[in-house]
Amino acid sequence: MKIAVSLSLVLVLGIALAARADDAKKDAKFEASKLEGKWTYVSGKKAGENSAKEALAGTVEITKDKLTIPGPEGKPMPIGYKLDAKGSPVKIDMEILDGMFKGGKAEGIIELKGDELKLCYAMIMGDMGKRPAKLESTKDNGAFYFVLKRKK
């Protein structure tokens, strides 16, 4: 009798822990809508080198399918994007929609924690460029890496 009660207790505890694990996975699901809004640059790098302060000026605006960043000569540069949130980190594919770099493509990864957004990407030109595996910019990967903070 004690063995049956103990097994039942173990089974109930196992089910409860499994349910909590499923809830944690649901809670951890990436919510793309939380990207929407205005952001400012905290820091930036290209191929492991810090970006110039002037290059980090201005506001980035994100809608459900477009990023608009400050572009050359102060003109806004619209960039369409699509997310693949099935894995971790979340993948992002981008394409410049207008201006002198129209049609330029990049593949990257993003991470959103509270009011901080990390974006790391590589420009894709022919068979050059490869989606970064980590949120980092090094001389070897040639990636762009930006940290942004939600504008209040």
Foldseek 3Di string as FASTA:
>chain_A
DVVVVVVVVVVVVVVVVVVVVVVVVVVPQDDLQVVAAKKFFPWKDFQQHTDDPVLRDDIWGDDSFWIWDQDPPRDIWIKGWDWDRPDPQIKIKIATCDDPRHGWIKIEGWDDDPFKIKIKIWTDDPPDADYDPDQDHHNVRRIMITIIGGDD
